[in-house]
mmCIF file of all heavy atoms, coordinates in Angstrom:
data_MODEL
# 
_entry.id   MODEL 
# 
loop_
_atom_site.group_PDB 
_atom_site.id 
_atom_site.type_symbol 
_atom_site.label_atom_id 
_atom_site.label_alt_id 
_atom_site.label_comp_id 
_atom_site.label_asym_id 
_atom_site.label_entity_id 
_atom_site.label_seq_id 
_atom_site.pdbx_PDB_ins_code 
_atom_site.Cartn_x 
_atom_site.Cartn_y 
_atom_site.Cartn_z 
_atom_site.occupancy 
_atom_site.B_iso_or_equiv 
_atom_site.pdbx_formal_charge 
_atom_site.auth_seq_id 
_atom_site.auth_comp_id 
_atom_site.auth_asym_id 
_atom_site.auth_atom_id 
_atom_site.pdbx_PDB_model_num 
ATOM 1   N N   . TRP A 1 1  ? -0.033  -14.077 1.646  1.00 0.00 ? 1  TRP A N   1 
ATOM 2   C CA  . TRP A 1 1  ? -0.280  -12.868 0.852  1.00 0.00 ? 1  TRP A CA  1 
ATOM 3   C C   . TRP A 1 1  ? 0.210   -11.647 1.630  1.00 0.00 ? 1  TRP A C   1 
ATOM 4   O O   . TRP A 1 1  ? 0.889   -10.781 1.075  1.00 0.00 ? 1  TRP A O   1 
ATOM 5   C CB  . TRP A 1 1  ? -1.770  -12.746 0.518  1.00 0.00 ? 1  TRP A CB  1 
ATOM 6   C CG  . TRP A 1 1  ? -2.098  -11.689 -0.494 1.00 0.00 ? 1  TRP A CG  1 
ATOM 7   C CD1 . TRP A 1 1  ? -2.228  -11.855 -1.839 1.00 0.00 ? 1  TRP A CD1 1 
ATOM 8   C CD2 . TRP A 1 1  ? -2.347  -10.290 -0.244 1.00 0.00 ? 1  TRP A CD2 1 
ATOM 9   N NE1 . TRP A 1 1  ? -2.535  -10.655 -2.440 1.00 0.00 ? 1  TRP A NE1 1 
ATOM 10  C CE2 . TRP A 1 1  ? -2.610  -9.677  -1.489 1.00 0.00 ? 1  TRP A CE2 1 
ATOM 11  C CE3 . TRP A 1 1  ? -2.356  -9.499  0.899  1.00 0.00 ? 1  TRP A CE3 1 
ATOM 12  C CZ2 . TRP A 1 1  ? -2.886  -8.321  -1.616 1.00 0.00 ? 1  TRP A CZ2 1 
ATOM 13  C CZ3 . TRP A 1 1  ? -2.630  -8.136  0.776  1.00 0.00 ? 1  TRP A CZ3 1 
ATOM 14  C CH2 . TRP A 1 1  ? -2.891  -7.560  -0.474 1.00 0.00 ? 1  TRP A CH2 1 
ATOM 15  N N   . VAL A 1 2  ? -0.125  -11.598 2.910  1.00 0.00 ? 2  VAL A N   1 
ATOM 16  C CA  . VAL A 1 2  ? 0.301   -10.464 3.740  1.00 0.00 ? 2  VAL A CA  1 
ATOM 17  C C   . VAL A 1 2  ? 1.827   -10.389 3.787  1.00 0.00 ? 2  VAL A C   1 
ATOM 18  O O   . VAL A 1 2  ? 2.413   -9.319  3.624  1.00 0.00 ? 2  VAL A O   1 
ATOM 19  C CB  . VAL A 1 2  ? -0.306  -10.562 5.160  1.00 0.00 ? 2  VAL A CB  1 
ATOM 20  C CG1 . VAL A 1 2  ? 0.335   -9.561  6.110  1.00 0.00 ? 2  VAL A CG1 1 
ATOM 21  C CG2 . VAL A 1 2  ? -1.817  -10.345 5.089  1.00 0.00 ? 2  VAL A CG2 1 
ATOM 22  N N   . GLU A 1 3  ? 2.479   -11.525 3.989  1.00 0.00 ? 3  GLU A N   1 
ATOM 23  C CA  . GLU A 1 3  ? 3.945   -11.518 4.013  1.00 0.00 ? 3  GLU A CA  1 
ATOM 24  C C   . GLU A 1 3  ? 4.515   -11.114 2.657  1.00 0.00 ? 3  GLU A C   1 
ATOM 25  O O   . GLU A 1 3  ? 5.467   -10.328 2.590  1.00 0.00 ? 3  GLU A O   1 
ATOM 26  C CB  . GLU A 1 3  ? 4.487   -12.886 4.420  1.00 0.00 ? 3  GLU A CB  1 
ATOM 27  C CG  . GLU A 1 3  ? 6.004   -12.889 4.524  1.00 0.00 ? 3  GLU A CG  1 
ATOM 28  C CD  . GLU A 1 3  ? 6.577   -14.185 5.041  1.00 0.00 ? 3  GLU A CD  1 
ATOM 29  O OE1 . GLU A 1 3  ? 5.822   -15.123 5.358  1.00 0.00 ? 3  GLU A OE1 1 
ATOM 30  O OE2 . GLU A 1 3  ? 7.821   -14.269 5.117  1.00 0.00 ? 3  GLU A OE2 1 
ATOM 31  N N   . ASP A 1 4  ? 3.939   -11.637 1.573  1.00 0.00 ? 4  ASP A N   1 
ATOM 32  C CA  . ASP A 1 4  ? 4.413   -11.293 0.225  1.00 0.00 ? 4  ASP A CA  1 
ATOM 33  C C   . ASP A 1 4  ? 4.336   -9.791  -0.031 1.00 0.00 ? 4  ASP A C   1 
ATOM 34  O O   . ASP A 1 4  ? 5.227   -9.211  -0.646 1.00 0.00 ? 4  ASP A O   1 
ATOM 35  C CB  . ASP A 1 4  ? 3.572   -11.999 -0.852 1.00 0.00 ? 4  ASP A CB  1 
ATOM 36  C CG  . ASP A 1 4  ? 3.771   -13.505 -0.899 1.00 0.00 ? 4  ASP A CG  1 
ATOM 37  O OD1 . ASP A 1 4  ? 4.740   -14.027 -0.316 1.00 0.00 ? 4  ASP A OD1 1 
ATOM 38  O OD2 . ASP A 1 4  ? 2.913   -14.176 -1.532 1.00 0.00 ? 4  ASP A OD2 1 
ATOM 39  N N   . LYS A 1 5  ? 3.261   -9.169  0.414  1.00 0.00 ? 5  LYS A N   1 
ATOM 40  C CA  . LYS A 1 5  ? 3.027   -7.757  0.088  1.00 0.00 ? 5  LYS A CA  1 
ATOM 41  C C   . LYS A 1 5  ? 3.617   -6.775  1.104  1.00 0.00 ? 5  LYS A C   1 
ATOM 42  O O   . LYS A 1 5  ? 4.022   -5.677  0.727  1.00 0.00 ? 5  LYS A O   1 
ATOM 43  C CB  . LYS A 1 5  ? 1.518   -7.476  -0.026 1.00 0.00 ? 5  LYS A CB  1 
ATOM 44  C CG  . LYS A 1 5  ? 0.786   -8.337  -1.030 1.00 0.00 ? 5  LYS A CG  1 
ATOM 45  C CD  . LYS A 1 5  ? 1.358   -8.264  -2.414 1.00 0.00 ? 5  LYS A CD  1 
ATOM 46  C CE  . LYS A 1 5  ? 0.538   -9.063  -3.390 1.00 0.00 ? 5  LYS A CE  1 
ATOM 47  N NZ  . LYS A 1 5  ? 1.301   -9.852  -4.310 1.00 0.00 ? 5  LYS A NZ  1 
ATOM 48  N N   . PHE A 1 6  ? 3.655   -7.160  2.392  1.00 0.00 ? 6  PHE A N   1 
ATOM 49  C CA  . PHE A 1 6  ? 4.064   -6.214  3.434  1.00 0.00 ? 6  PHE A CA  1 
ATOM 50  C C   . PHE A 1 6  ? 5.265   -6.657  4.255  1.00 0.00 ? 6  PHE A C   1 
ATOM 51  O O   . PHE A 1 6  ? 5.727   -5.907  5.100  1.00 0.00 ? 6  PHE A O   1 
ATOM 52  C CB  . PHE A 1 6  ? 2.893   -5.956  4.396  1.00 0.00 ? 6  PHE A CB  1 
ATOM 53  C CG  . PHE A 1 6  ? 1.689   -5.374  3.718  1.00 0.00 ? 6  PHE A CG  1 
ATOM 54  C CD1 . PHE A 1 6  ? 0.512   -6.100  3.631  1.00 0.00 ? 6  PHE A CD1 1 
ATOM 55  C CD2 . PHE A 1 6  ? 1.716   -4.104  3.160  1.00 0.00 ? 6  PHE A CD2 1 
ATOM 56  C CE1 . PHE A 1 6  ? -0.609  -5.579  3.014  1.00 0.00 ? 6  PHE A CE1 1 
ATOM 57  C CE2 . PHE A 1 6  ? 0.602   -3.566  2.543  1.00 0.00 ? 6  PHE A CE2 1 
ATOM 58  C CZ  . PHE A 1 6  ? -0.563  -4.308  2.462  1.00 0.00 ? 6  PHE A CZ  1 
ATOM 59  N N   . GLY A 1 7  ? 5.729   -7.880  4.051  1.00 0.00 ? 7  GLY A N   1 
ATOM 60  C CA  . GLY A 1 7  ? 6.851   -8.379  4.836  1.00 0.00 ? 7  GLY A CA  1 
ATOM 61  C C   . GLY A 1 7  ? 6.381   -9.170  6.045  1.00 0.00 ? 7  GLY A C   1 
ATOM 62  O O   . GLY A 1 7  ? 5.229   -9.076  6.487  1.00 0.00 ? 7  GLY A O   1 
ATOM 63  N N   . TYR A 1 8  ? 7.305   -9.946  6.571  1.00 0.00 ? 8  TYR A N   1 
ATOM 64  C CA  . TYR A 1 8  ? 6.992   -10.855 7.672  1.00 0.00 ? 8  TYR A CA  1 
ATOM 65  C C   . TYR A 1 8  ? 6.422   -10.132 8.898  1.00 0.00 ? 8  TYR A C   1 
ATOM 66  O O   . TYR A 1 8  ? 5.496   -10.631 9.548  1.00 0.00 ? 8  TYR A O   1 
ATOM 67  C CB  . TYR A 1 8  ? 8.242   -11.648 8.056  1.00 0.00 ? 8  TYR A CB  1 
ATOM 68  C CG  . TYR A 1 8  ? 8.045   -12.482 9.284  1.00 0.00 ? 8  TYR A CG  1 
ATOM 69  C CD1 . TYR A 1 8  ? 7.305   -13.665 9.225  1.00 0.00 ? 8  TYR A CD1 1 
ATOM 70  C CD2 . TYR A 1 8  ? 8.562   -12.088 10.509 1.00 0.00 ? 8  TYR A CD2 1 
ATOM 71  C CE1 . TYR A 1 8  ? 7.091   -14.438 10.348 1.00 0.00 ? 8  TYR A CE1 1 
ATOM 72  C CE2 . TYR A 1 8  ? 8.356   -12.857 11.652 1.00 0.00 ? 8  TYR A CE2 1 
ATOM 73  C CZ  . TYR A 1 8  ? 7.620   -14.022 11.562 1.00 0.00 ? 8  TYR A CZ  1 
ATOM 74  O OH  . TYR A 1 8  ? 7.408   -14.769 12.688 1.00 0.00 ? 8  TYR A OH  1 
ATOM 75  N N   . GLU A 1 9  ? 6.967   -8.977  9.243  1.00 0.00 ? 9  GLU A N   1 
ATOM 76  C CA  . GLU A 1 9  ? 6.534   -8.274  10.458 1.00 0.00 ? 9  GLU A CA  1 
ATOM 77  C C   . GLU A 1 9  ? 5.026   -8.016  10.478 1.00 0.00 ? 9  GLU A C   1 
ATOM 78  O O   . GLU A 1 9  ? 4.399   -8.080  11.520 1.00 0.00 ? 9  GLU A O   1 
ATOM 79  C CB  . GLU A 1 9  ? 7.289   -6.947  10.628 1.00 0.00 ? 9  GLU A CB  1 
ATOM 80  C CG  . GLU A 1 9  ? 8.679   -7.116  11.175 1.00 0.00 ? 9  GLU A CG  1 
ATOM 81  C CD  . GLU A 1 9  ? 8.707   -7.822  12.525 1.00 0.00 ? 9  GLU A CD  1 
ATOM 82  O OE1 . GLU A 1 9  ? 7.945   -7.437  13.426 1.00 0.00 ? 9  GLU A OE1 1 
ATOM 83  O OE2 . GLU A 1 9  ? 9.503   -8.769  12.677 1.00 0.00 ? 9  GLU A OE2 1 
ATOM 84  N N   . MET A 1 10 ? 4.450   -7.743  9.324  1.00 0.00 ? 10 MET A N   1 
ATOM 85  C CA  . MET A 1 10 ? 3.013   -7.436  9.272  1.00 0.00 ? 10 MET A CA  1 
ATOM 86  C C   . MET A 1 10 ? 2.163   -8.663  9.569  1.00 0.00 ? 10 MET A C   1 
ATOM 87  O O   . MET A 1 10 ? 0.997   -8.524  9.939  1.00 0.00 ? 10 MET A O   1 
ATOM 88  C CB  . MET A 1 10 ? 2.658   -6.824  7.905  1.00 0.00 ? 10 MET A CB  1 
ATOM 89  C CG  . MET A 1 10 ? 1.278   -6.214  7.850  1.00 0.00 ? 10 MET A CG  1 
ATOM 90  S SD  . MET A 1 10 ? 1.114   -4.846  9.024  1.00 0.00 ? 10 MET A SD  1 
ATOM 91  C CE  . MET A 1 10 ? -0.578  -4.398  8.748  1.00 0.00 ? 10 MET A CE  1 
ATOM 92  N N   . THR A 1 11 ? 2.727   -9.863  9.454  1.00 0.00 ? 11 THR A N   1 
ATOM 93  C CA  . THR A 1 11 ? 1.941   -11.063 9.758  1.00 0.00 ? 11 THR A CA  1 
ATOM 94  C C   . THR A 1 11 ? 1.552   -11.113 11.233 1.00 0.00 ? 11 THR A C   1 
ATOM 95  O O   . THR A 1 11 ? 0.583   -11.769 11.592 1.00 0.00 ? 11 THR A O   1 
ATOM 96  C CB  . THR A 1 11 ? 2.679   -12.363 9.366  1.00 0.00 ? 11 THR A CB  1 
ATOM 97  O OG1 . THR A 1 11 ? 3.843   -12.518 10.169 1.00 0.00 ? 11 THR A OG1 1 
ATOM 98  C CG2 . THR A 1 11 ? 3.033   -12.365 7.896  1.00 0.00 ? 11 THR A CG2 1 
ATOM 99  N N   . HIS A 1 12 ? 2.297   -10.399 12.070 1.00 0.00 ? 12 HIS A N   1 
ATOM 100 C CA  . HIS A 1 12 ? 1.943   -10.313 13.493 1.00 0.00 ? 12 HIS A CA  1 
ATOM 101 C C   . HIS A 1 12 ? 0.663   -9.505  13.701 1.00 0.00 ? 12 HIS A C   1 
ATOM 102 O O   . HIS A 1 12 ? 0.042   -9.590  14.758 1.00 0.00 ? 12 HIS A O   1 
ATOM 103 C CB  . HIS A 1 12 ? 3.083   -9.687  14.299 1.00 0.00 ? 12 HIS A CB  1 
ATOM 104 C CG  . HIS A 1 12 ? 4.320   -10.524 14.324 1.00 0.00 ? 12 HIS A CG  1 
ATOM 105 N ND1 . HIS A 1 12 ? 4.448   -11.646 15.106 1.00 0.00 ? 12 HIS A ND1 1 
ATOM 106 C CD2 . HIS A 1 12 ? 5.469   -10.419 13.619 1.00 0.00 ? 12 HIS A CD2 1 
ATOM 107 C CE1 . HIS A 1 12 ? 5.630   -12.195 14.907 1.00 0.00 ? 12 HIS A CE1 1 
ATOM 108 N NE2 . HIS A 1 12 ? 6.270   -11.468 13.997 1.00 0.00 ? 12 HIS A NE2 1 
ATOM 109 N N   . ASN A 1 13 ? 0.286   -8.720  12.703 1.00 0.00 ? 13 ASN A N   1 
ATOM 110 C CA  . ASN A 1 13 ? -0.906  -7.884  12.781 1.00 0.00 ? 13 ASN A CA  1 
ATOM 111 C C   . ASN A 1 13 ? -2.032  -8.401  11.886 1.00 0.00 ? 13 ASN A C   1 
ATOM 112 O O   . ASN A 1 13 ? -2.928  -7.655  11.515 1.00 0.00 ? 13 ASN A O   1 
ATOM 113 C CB  . ASN A 1 13 ? -0.567  -6.446  12.397 1.00 0.00 ? 13 ASN A CB  1 
ATOM 114 C CG  . ASN A 1 13 ? 0.279   -5.763  13.443 1.00 0.00 ? 13 ASN A CG  1 
ATOM 115 O OD1 . ASN A 1 13 ? 1.098   -6.391  14.106 1.00 0.00 ? 13 ASN A OD1 1 
ATOM 116 N ND2 . ASN A 1 13 ? 0.113   -4.475  13.606 1.00 0.00 ? 13 ASN A ND2 1 
ATOM 117 N N   . LEU A 1 14 ? -1.975  -9.676  11.549 1.00 0.00 ? 14 LEU A N   1 
ATOM 118 C CA  . LEU A 1 14 ? -3.025  -10.316 10.763 1.00 0.00 ? 14 LEU A CA  1 
ATOM 119 C C   . LEU A 1 14 ? -3.963  -11.056 11.704 1.00 0.00 ? 14 LEU A C   1 
ATOM 120 O O   . LEU A 1 14 ? -3.521  -11.878 12.507 1.00 0.00 ? 14 LEU A O   1 
ATOM 121 C CB  . LEU A 1 14 ? -2.417  -11.307 9.758  1.00 0.00 ? 14 LEU A CB  1 
ATOM 122 C CG  . LEU A 1 14 ? -3.412  -12.213 9.016  1.00 0.00 ? 14 LEU A CG  1 
ATOM 123 C CD1 . LEU A 1 14 ? -4.366  -11.397 8.151  1.00 0.00 ? 14 LEU A CD1 1 
ATOM 124 C CD2 . LEU A 1 14 ? -2.654  -13.240 8.181  1.00 0.00 ? 14 LEU A CD2 1 
ATOM 125 N N   . ILE A 1 15 ? -5.235  -10.755 11.593 1.00 0.00 ? 15 ILE A N   1 
ATOM 126 C CA  . ILE A 1 15 ? -6.262  -11.410 12.393 1.00 0.00 ? 15 ILE A CA  1 
ATOM 127 C C   . ILE A 1 15 ? -7.258  -12.056 11.433 1.00 0.00 ? 15 ILE A C   1 
ATOM 128 O O   . ILE A 1 15 ? -7.842  -11.368 10.597 1.00 0.00 ? 15 ILE A O   1 
ATOM 129 C CB  . ILE A 1 15 ? -6.993  -10.403 13.309 1.00 0.00 ? 15 ILE A CB  1 
ATOM 130 C CG1 . ILE A 1 15 ? -5.987  -9.707  14.234 1.00 0.00 ? 15 ILE A CG1 1 
ATOM 131 C CG2 . ILE A 1 15 ? -8.098  -11.099 14.110 1.00 0.00 ? 15 ILE A CG2 1 
ATOM 132 C CD1 . ILE A 1 15 ? -6.545  -8.470  14.917 1.00 0.00 ? 15 ILE A CD1 1 
ATOM 133 N N   . ILE A 1 16 ? -7.424  -13.369 11.560 1.00 0.00 ? 16 ILE A N   1 
ATOM 134 C CA  . ILE A 1 16 ? -8.395  -14.092 10.741 1.00 0.00 ? 16 ILE A CA  1 
ATOM 135 C C   . ILE A 1 16 ? -9.532  -14.488 11.659 1.00 0.00 ? 16 ILE A C   1 
ATOM 136 O O   . ILE A 1 16 ? -9.346  -15.288 12.582 1.00 0.00 ? 16 ILE A O   1 
ATOM 137 C CB  . ILE A 1 16 ? -7.749  -15.323 10.060 1.00 0.00 ? 16 ILE A CB  1 
ATOM 138 C CG1 . ILE A 1 16 ? -6.586  -14.865 9.171  1.00 0.00 ? 16 ILE A CG1 1 
ATOM 139 C CG2 . ILE A 1 16 ? -8.794  -16.085 9.246  1.00 0.00 ? 16 ILE A CG2 1 
ATOM 140 C CD1 . ILE A 1 16 ? -5.806  -15.992 8.524  1.00 0.00 ? 16 ILE A CD1 1 
ATOM 141 N N   . CYS A 1 17 ? -10.690 -13.884 11.421 1.00 0.00 ? 17 CYS A N   1 
ATOM 142 C CA  . CYS A 1 17 ? -11.810 -14.030 12.351 1.00 0.00 ? 17 CYS A CA  1 
ATOM 143 C C   . CYS A 1 17 ? -13.122 -13.923 11.583 1.00 0.00 ? 17 CYS A C   1 
ATOM 144 O O   . CYS A 1 17 ? -13.297 -13.020 10.772 1.00 0.00 ? 17 CYS A O   1 
ATOM 145 C CB  . CYS A 1 17 ? -11.718 -12.928 13.405 1.00 0.00 ? 17 CYS A CB  1 
ATOM 146 S SG  . CYS A 1 17 ? -13.022 -12.929 14.629 1.00 0.00 ? 17 CYS A SG  1 
ATOM 147 N N   . SER A 1 18 ? -14.043 -14.811 11.863 1.00 0.00 ? 18 SER A N   1 
ATOM 148 C CA  . SER A 1 18 ? -15.340 -14.800 11.181 1.00 0.00 ? 18 SER A CA  1 
ATOM 149 C C   . SER A 1 18 ? -16.311 -13.773 11.745 1.00 0.00 ? 18 SER A C   1 
ATOM 150 O O   . SER A 1 18 ? -17.339 -13.509 11.148 1.00 0.00 ? 18 SER A O   1 
ATOM 151 C CB  . SER A 1 18 ? -15.978 -16.189 11.260 1.00 0.00 ? 18 SER A CB  1 
ATOM 152 O OG  . SER A 1 18 ? -15.207 -17.102 10.530 1.00 0.00 ? 18 SER A OG  1 
ATOM 153 N N   . HIS A 1 19 ? -16.014 -13.196 12.912 1.00 0.00 ? 19 HIS A N   1 
ATOM 154 C CA  . HIS A 1 19 ? -16.931 -12.244 13.542 1.00 0.00 ? 19 HIS A CA  1 
ATOM 155 C C   . HIS A 1 19 ? -16.163 -10.974 13.909 1.00 0.00 ? 19 HIS A C   1 
ATOM 156 O O   . HIS A 1 19 ? -15.590 -10.861 14.989 1.00 0.00 ? 19 HIS A O   1 
ATOM 157 C CB  . HIS A 1 19 ? -17.571 -12.860 14.782 1.00 0.00 ? 19 HIS A CB  1 
ATOM 158 C CG  . HIS A 1 19 ? -18.802 -12.148 15.224 1.00 0.00 ? 19 HIS A CG  1 
ATOM 159 N ND1 . HIS A 1 19 ? -18.802 -10.820 15.586 1.00 0.00 ? 19 HIS A ND1 1 
ATOM 160 C CD2 . HIS A 1 19 ? -20.067 -12.574 15.350 1.00 0.00 ? 19 HIS A CD2 1 
ATOM 161 C CE1 . HIS A 1 19 ? -20.015 -10.462 15.935 1.00 0.00 ? 19 HIS A CE1 1 
ATOM 162 N NE2 . HIS A 1 19 ? -20.814 -11.509 15.791 1.00 0.00 ? 19 HIS A NE2 1 
ATOM 163 N N   . LYS A 1 20 ? -16.177 -10.012 13.011 1.00 0.00 ? 20 LYS A N   1 
ATOM 164 C CA  . LYS A 1 20 ? -15.379 -8.799  13.166 1.00 0.00 ? 20 LYS A CA  1 
ATOM 165 C C   . LYS A 1 20 ? -15.862 -7.897  14.297 1.00 0.00 ? 20 LYS A C   1 
ATOM 166 O O   . LYS A 1 20 ? -15.104 -7.073  14.801 1.00 0.00 ? 20 LYS A O   1 
ATOM 167 C CB  . LYS A 1 20 ? -15.334 -8.047  11.842 1.00 0.00 ? 20 LYS A CB  1 
ATOM 168 C CG  . LYS A 1 20 ? -14.647 -8.874  10.756 1.00 0.00 ? 20 LYS A CG  1 
ATOM 169 C CD  . LYS A 1 20 ? -14.679 -8.213  9.410  1.00 0.00 ? 20 LYS A CD  1 
ATOM 170 C CE  . LYS A 1 20 ? -13.993 -9.104  8.377  1.00 0.00 ? 20 LYS A CE  1 
ATOM 171 N NZ  . LYS A 1 20 ? -13.915 -8.463  7.077  1.00 0.00 ? 20 LYS A NZ  1 
ATOM 172 N N   . GLY A 1 21 ? -17.101 -8.066  14.712 1.00 0.00 ? 21 GLY A N   1 
ATOM 173 C CA  . GLY A 1 21 ? -17.635 -7.257  15.799 1.00 0.00 ? 21 GLY A CA  1 
ATOM 174 C C   . GLY A 1 21 ? -17.052 -7.606  17.156 1.00 0.00 ? 21 GLY A C   1 
ATOM 175 O O   . GLY A 1 21 ? -17.267 -6.888  18.129 1.00 0.00 ? 21 GLY A O   1 
ATOM 176 N N   . LEU A 1 22 ? -16.311 -8.687  17.254 1.00 0.00 ? 22 LEU A N   1 
ATOM 177 C CA  . LEU A 1 22 ? -15.695 -9.081  18.528 1.00 0.00 ? 22 LEU A CA  1 
ATOM 178 C C   . LEU A 1 22 ? -14.480 -8.229  18.869 1.00 0.00 ? 22 LEU A C   1 
ATOM 179 O O   . LEU A 1 22 ? -14.093 -8.160  20.035 1.00 0.00 ? 22 LEU A O   1 
ATOM 180 C CB  . LEU A 1 22 ? -15.262 -10.552 18.478 1.00 0.00 ? 22 LEU A CB  1 
ATOM 181 C CG  . LEU A 1 22 ? -16.365 -11.584 18.324 1.00 0.00 ? 22 LEU A CG  1 
ATOM 182 C CD1 . LEU A 1 22 ? -15.763 -12.977 18.133 1.00 0.00 ? 22 LEU A CD1 1 
ATOM 183 C CD2 . LEU A 1 22 ? -17.283 -11.565 19.542 1.00 0.00 ? 22 LEU A CD2 1 
ATOM 184 N N   . LEU A 1 23 ? -13.894 -7.590  17.872 1.00 0.00 ? 23 LEU A N   1 
ATOM 185 C CA  . LEU A 1 23 ? -12.671 -6.837  18.108 1.00 0.00 ? 23 LEU A CA  1 
ATOM 186 C C   . LEU A 1 23 ? -12.974 -5.418  18.568 1.00 0.00 ? 23 LEU A C   1 
ATOM 187 O O   . LEU A 1 23 ? -13.984 -4.832  18.194 1.00 0.00 ? 23 LEU A O   1 
ATOM 188 C CB  . LEU A 1 23 ? -11.813 -6.837  16.844 1.00 0.00 ? 23 LEU A CB  1 
ATOM 189 C CG  . LEU A 1 23 ? -11.161 -8.201  16.669 1.00 0.00 ? 23 LEU A CG  1 
ATOM 190 C CD1 . LEU A 1 23 ? -11.913 -9.022  15.660 1.00 0.00 ? 23 LEU A CD1 1 
ATOM 191 C CD2 . LEU A 1 23 ? -9.725  -8.068  16.321 1.00 0.00 ? 23 LEU A CD2 1 
ATOM 192 N N   . LYS A 1 24 ? -12.063 -4.894  19.362 1.00 0.00 ? 24 LYS A N   1 
ATOM 193 C CA  . LYS A 1 24 ? -12.170 -3.521  19.864 1.00 0.00 ? 24 LYS A CA  1 
ATOM 194 C C   . LYS A 1 24 ? -11.224 -2.648  19.068 1.00 0.00 ? 24 LYS A C   1 
ATOM 195 O O   . LYS A 1 24 ? -10.059 -3.002  18.873 1.00 0.00 ? 24 LYS A O   1 
ATOM 196 C CB  . LYS A 1 24 ? -11.787 -3.454  21.348 1.00 0.00 ? 24 LYS A CB  1 
ATOM 197 C CG  . LYS A 1 24 ? -12.618 -4.347  22.238 1.00 0.00 ? 24 LYS A CG  1 
ATOM 198 C CD  . LYS A 1 24 ? -14.000 -3.806  22.404 1.00 0.00 ? 24 LYS A CD  1 
ATOM 199 C CE  . LYS A 1 24 ? -14.773 -4.682  23.382 1.00 0.00 ? 24 LYS A CE  1 
ATOM 200 N NZ  . LYS A 1 24 ? -16.183 -4.430  23.320 1.00 0.00 ? 24 LYS A NZ  1 
ATOM 201 N N   . GLY A 1 25 ? -11.706 -1.519  18.613 1.00 0.00 ? 25 GLY A N   1 
ATOM 202 C CA  . GLY A 1 25 ? -10.866 -0.611  17.864 1.00 0.00 ? 25 GLY A CA  1 
ATOM 203 C C   . GLY A 1 25 ? -11.624 0.634   17.472 1.00 0.00 ? 25 GLY A C   1 
ATOM 204 O O   . GLY A 1 25 ? -12.798 0.802   17.823 1.00 0.00 ? 25 GLY A O   1 
ATOM 205 N N   . ASP A 1 26 ? -10.948 1.501   16.744 1.00 0.00 ? 26 ASP A N   1 
ATOM 206 C CA  . ASP A 1 26 ? -11.526 2.791   16.374 1.00 0.00 ? 26 ASP A CA  1 
ATOM 207 C C   . ASP A 1 26 ? -12.175 2.785   14.999 1.00 0.00 ? 26 ASP A C   1 
ATOM 208 O O   . ASP A 1 26 ? -13.233 3.377   14.809 1.00 0.00 ? 26 ASP A O   1 
ATOM 209 C CB  . ASP A 1 26 ? -10.440 3.870   16.430 1.00 0.00 ? 26 ASP A CB  1 
ATOM 210 C CG  . ASP A 1 26 ? -9.844  3.994   17.816 1.00 0.00 ? 26 ASP A CG  1 
ATOM 211 O OD1 . ASP A 1 26 ? -10.600 4.362   18.739 1.00 0.00 ? 26 ASP A OD1 1 
ATOM 212 O OD2 . ASP A 1 26 ? -8.652  3.681   17.981 1.00 0.00 ? 26 ASP A OD2 1 
ATOM 213 N N   . ILE A 1 27 ? -11.521 2.109   14.040 1.00 0.00 ? 27 ILE A N   1 
ATOM 214 C CA  . ILE A 1 27 ? -12.009 2.153   12.662 1.00 0.00 ? 27 ILE A CA  1 
ATOM 215 C C   . ILE A 1 27 ? -11.881 0.771   12.035 1.00 0.00 ? 27 ILE A C   1 
ATOM 216 O O   . ILE A 1 27 ? -10.857 0.093   12.200 1.00 0.00 ? 27 ILE A O   1 
ATOM 217 C CB  . ILE A 1 27 ? -11.225 3.188   11.832 1.00 0.00 ? 27 ILE A CB  1 
ATOM 218 C CG1 . ILE A 1 27 ? -11.486 4.598   12.388 1.00 0.00 ? 27 ILE A CG1 1 
ATOM 219 C CG2 . ILE A 1 27 ? -11.600 3.122   10.352 1.00 0.00 ? 27 ILE A CG2 1 
ATOM 220 C CD1 . ILE A 1 27 ? -10.606 5.676   11.832 1.00 0.00 ? 27 ILE A CD1 1 
ATOM 221 N N   . LEU A 1 28 ? -12.920 0.385   11.311 1.00 0.00 ? 28 LEU A N   1 
ATOM 222 C CA  . LEU A 1 28 ? -12.913 -0.834  10.506 1.00 0.00 ? 28 LEU A CA  1 
ATOM 223 C C   . LEU A 1 28 ? -13.150 -0.411  9.058  1.00 0.00 ? 28 LEU A C   1 
ATOM 224 O O   . LEU A 1 28 ? -14.158 0.238   8.758  1.00 0.00 ? 28 LEU A O   1 
ATOM 225 C CB  . LEU A 1 28 ? -14.012 -1.794  10.961 1.00 0.00 ? 28 LEU A CB  1 
ATOM 226 C CG  . LEU A 1 28 ? -14.295 -3.011  10.069 1.00 0.00 ? 28 LEU A CG  1 
ATOM 227 C CD1 . LEU A 1 28 ? -13.066 -3.899  9.930  1.00 0.00 ? 28 LEU A CD1 1 
ATOM 228 C CD2 . LEU A 1 28 ? -15.477 -3.802  10.618 1.00 0.00 ? 28 LEU A CD2 1 
ATOM 229 N N   . ILE A 1 29 ? -12.215 -0.752  8.181  1.00 0.00 ? 29 ILE A N   1 
ATOM 230 C CA  . ILE A 1 29 ? -12.357 -0.466  6.759  1.00 0.00 ? 29 ILE A CA  1 
ATOM 231 C C   . ILE A 1 29 ? -12.747 -1.780  6.096  1.00 0.00 ? 29 ILE A C   1 
ATOM 232 O O   . ILE A 1 29 ? -11.959 -2.730  6.079  1.00 0.00 ? 29 ILE A O   1 
ATOM 233 C CB  . ILE A 1 29 ? -11.043 0.083   6.165  1.00 0.00 ? 29 ILE A CB  1 
ATOM 234 C CG1 . ILE A 1 29 ? -10.591 1.326   6.930  1.00 0.00 ? 29 ILE A CG1 1 
ATOM 235 C CG2 . ILE A 1 29 ? -11.221 0.386   4.672  1.00 0.00 ? 29 ILE A CG2 1 
ATOM 236 C CD1 . ILE A 1 29 ? -9.169  1.772   6.618  1.00 0.00 ? 29 ILE A CD1 1 
ATOM 237 N N   . ASP A 1 30 ? -13.979 -1.851  5.600  1.00 0.00 ? 30 ASP A N   1 
ATOM 238 C CA  . ASP A 1 30 ? -14.517 -3.114  5.085  1.00 0.00 ? 30 ASP A CA  1 
ATOM 239 C C   . ASP A 1 30 ? -15.443 -2.821  3.919  1.00 0.00 ? 30 ASP A C   1 
ATOM 240 O O   . ASP A 1 30 ? -16.096 -1.778  3.886  1.00 0.00 ? 30 ASP A O   1 
ATOM 241 C CB  . ASP A 1 30 ? -15.289 -3.824  6.202  1.00 0.00 ? 30 ASP A CB  1 
ATOM 242 C CG  . ASP A 1 30 ? -15.393 -5.325  6.003  1.00 0.00 ? 30 ASP A CG  1 
ATOM 243 O OD1 . ASP A 1 30 ? -15.910 -5.742  4.939  1.00 0.00 ? 30 ASP A OD1 1 
ATOM 244 O OD2 . ASP A 1 30 ? -14.991 -6.077  6.892  1.00 0.00 ? 30 ASP A OD2 1 
# 
């Protein structure tokens, strides 16, 4: 789906994870 909508390059920025609190970042849109 990500590749279909945004192109192959964006697949490098796809993270599939059951626990979103493990990631470090500034903003989570959920």
